[in-house]
Amino acid sequence: MKSEKVKTTIYMDKDLQEQLEKFSETYGYKSKNEFIIEALKDHIATKTLENESDIFAEKLADAIQKQTDTLSKRVSKGLYRYAVELSMIMHILAAQIELDDETIKILRGRAMREVKGLRGKLCLEAIADHKME
């Protein structure tokens, strides 16, 4: 549904009128009127955003914070489950294998280098191959 158009008169400097004619032709506007309407709409939108940017930024920050909180909770729950499983594995190993402090220190150093070198992407085959060496 088109809104009713009204005729209005504006005054401008001659240089500005020449720029208006040049730009409206250069950018393919059908008329100077069409160019002026688009320019006014753009300017009104810009001023509206400037005036309401604090509200927009606040709402955006709240939305991002809610998403971040949700993701953090999911990651935390997953990490907790993995930590429980890892603790169980460590207790089983400790109950079955007796290692002295020096051996544990060496194994920890090796594990840290492997995790760092593989950026956390460990696989059993790579560890088994390393053990064979």
Protein backbone atom coordinates (compact mmCIF):
# COMPACT_ATOMS: atom_id res chain seq x y z
CA MET A 1 0.00 0.00 0.00
CA LYS A 2 1.55 3.28 -1.13
CA SER A 3 1.41 6.29 1.12
CA GLU A 4 0.08 9.56 -0.17
CA LYS A 5 2.77 11.81 -1.58
CA VAL A 6 2.85 15.53 -0.96
CA LYS A 7 4.62 18.21 -2.91
CA THR A 8 7.17 20.35 -1.12
CA THR A 9 9.70 22.96 -2.09
CA ILE A 10 13.24 23.14 -0.81
CA TYR A 11 15.97 25.70 -1.28
CA MET A 12 19.62 24.77 -1.67
CA ASP A 13 22.89 26.20 -2.87
CA LYS A 14 23.53 26.02 -6.60
CA ASP A 15 26.62 23.85 -6.03
CA LEU A 16 24.55 21.37 -4.04
CA GLN A 17 21.92 21.28 -6.79
CA GLU A 18 24.64 20.52 -9.37
CA GLN A 19 25.96 17.70 -7.14
CA LEU A 20 22.42 16.39 -6.78
CA GLU A 21 21.98 16.25 -10.56
CA LYS A 22 25.38 14.62 -11.05
CA PHE A 23 24.90 11.97 -8.36
CA SER A 24 21.33 11.11 -9.31
CA GLU A 25 22.48 10.48 -12.91
CA THR A 26 25.69 8.68 -11.90
CA TYR A 27 23.94 6.25 -9.57
CA GLY A 28 20.99 5.55 -11.85
CA TYR A 29 18.18 7.30 -10.04
CA LYS A 30 15.15 7.98 -12.20
CA SER A 31 14.86 11.49 -10.85
CA LYS A 32 16.37 13.95 -8.41
CA ASN A 33 13.25 13.43 -6.32
CA GLU A 34 13.99 9.70 -5.96
CA PHE A 35 17.58 10.49 -4.91
CA ILE A 36 16.44 13.04 -2.30
CA ILE A 37 13.87 10.62 -0.85
CA GLU A 38 16.50 7.87 -0.51
CA ALA A 39 18.98 10.29 1.03
CA LEU A 40 16.39 11.51 3.55
CA LYS A 41 15.41 7.96 4.49
CA ASP A 42 19.04 7.06 5.00
CA HIS A 43 19.71 10.16 7.09
CA ILE A 44 16.60 9.56 9.24
CA ALA A 45 17.64 5.94 9.81
CA THR A 46 21.16 7.02 10.78
CA LYS A 47 19.90 9.61 13.26
CA THR A 48 17.40 7.15 14.71
CA LEU A 49 20.16 4.59 15.28
CA GLU A 50 22.40 7.23 16.84
CA ASN A 51 19.65 8.19 19.28
CA GLU A 52 18.67 4.61 20.07
CA SER A 53 22.10 2.97 19.82
CA ASP A 54 22.44 2.70 23.59
CA ILE A 55 19.18 0.74 23.79
CA PHE A 56 20.15 -1.43 20.83
CA ALA A 57 23.63 -2.10 22.22
CA GLU A 58 22.19 -2.97 25.62
CA LYS A 59 19.66 -5.40 24.15
CA LEU A 60 22.33 -6.98 21.95
CA ALA A 61 24.69 -7.36 24.90
CA ASP A 62 21.91 -8.99 26.96
CA ALA A 63 21.13 -11.45 24.15
CA ILE A 64 24.80 -12.34 23.73
CA GLN A 65 25.20 -12.78 27.49
CA LYS A 66 22.22 -15.15 27.66
CA GLN A 67 23.62 -17.26 24.81
CA THR A 68 27.06 -17.27 26.41
CA ASP A 69 25.62 -18.35 29.76
CA THR A 70 23.72 -21.20 28.12
CA LEU A 71 26.79 -22.40 26.22
CA SER A 72 28.99 -22.09 29.32
CA LYS A 73 26.60 -24.27 31.31
CA ARG A 74 26.59 -26.93 28.58
CA VAL A 75 30.39 -26.93 28.32
CA SER A 76 30.75 -27.04 32.12
CA LYS A 77 28.40 -30.03 32.42
CA GLY A 78 30.28 -31.85 29.66
CA LEU A 79 33.66 -31.13 31.25
CA TYR A 80 32.35 -32.33 34.62
CA ARG A 81 31.20 -35.64 33.10
CA TYR A 82 34.59 -36.11 31.42
CA ALA A 83 36.41 -35.30 34.66
CA VAL A 84 34.38 -37.93 36.52
CA GLU A 85 35.17 -40.55 33.87
CA LEU A 86 38.85 -39.60 33.88
CA SER A 87 38.96 -39.81 37.67
CA MET A 88 37.43 -43.29 37.54
CA ILE A 89 40.04 -44.40 34.97
CA MET A 90 42.87 -42.96 37.08
CA HIS A 91 41.61 -44.78 40.21
CA ILE A 92 41.34 -48.07 38.29
CA LEU A 93 44.87 -47.67 36.94
CA ALA A 94 46.27 -46.68 40.33
CA ALA A 95 44.67 -49.75 41.90
CA GLN A 96 46.15 -52.06 39.25
CA ILE A 97 49.59 -50.55 38.58
CA GLU A 98 52.14 -49.36 41.07
CA LEU A 99 54.24 -46.48 39.73
CA ASP A 100 56.90 -44.57 41.57
CA ASP A 101 56.86 -40.76 41.70
CA GLU A 102 59.66 -40.40 39.14
CA THR A 103 57.83 -42.55 36.55
CA ILE A 104 54.63 -40.58 37.07
CA LYS A 105 56.59 -37.34 36.58
CA ILE A 106 58.09 -38.66 33.30
CA LEU A 107 54.69 -39.86 32.04
CA ARG A 108 53.07 -36.54 32.92
CA GLY A 109 55.74 -34.62 30.98
CA ARG A 110 55.28 -36.91 27.97
CA ALA A 111 51.50 -36.51 28.14
CA MET A 112 51.78 -32.73 28.31
CA ARG A 113 54.07 -32.65 25.25
CA GLU A 114 51.73 -34.96 23.31
CA VAL A 115 48.62 -32.94 24.12
CA LYS A 116 50.37 -29.68 23.31
CA GLY A 117 51.85 -31.03 20.07
CA LEU A 118 48.55 -32.52 18.91
CA ARG A 119 46.49 -29.57 20.18
CA GLY A 120 44.40 -31.88 22.32
CA LYS A 121 43.49 -34.29 19.49
CA LEU A 122 44.74 -37.53 20.95
CA CYS A 123 43.92 -40.96 19.58
CA LEU A 124 44.63 -44.36 21.09
CA GLU A 125 46.55 -45.54 18.03
CA ALA A 126 49.05 -42.68 18.29
CA ILE A 127 49.62 -43.38 21.98
CA ALA A 128 49.97 -47.14 21.37
CA ASP A 129 52.47 -46.50 18.55
CA HIS A 130 54.47 -44.22 20.84
CA LYS A 131 54.47 -46.85 23.58
CA MET A 132 55.95 -49.39 21.12
CA GLU A 133 58.94 -47.08 20.47
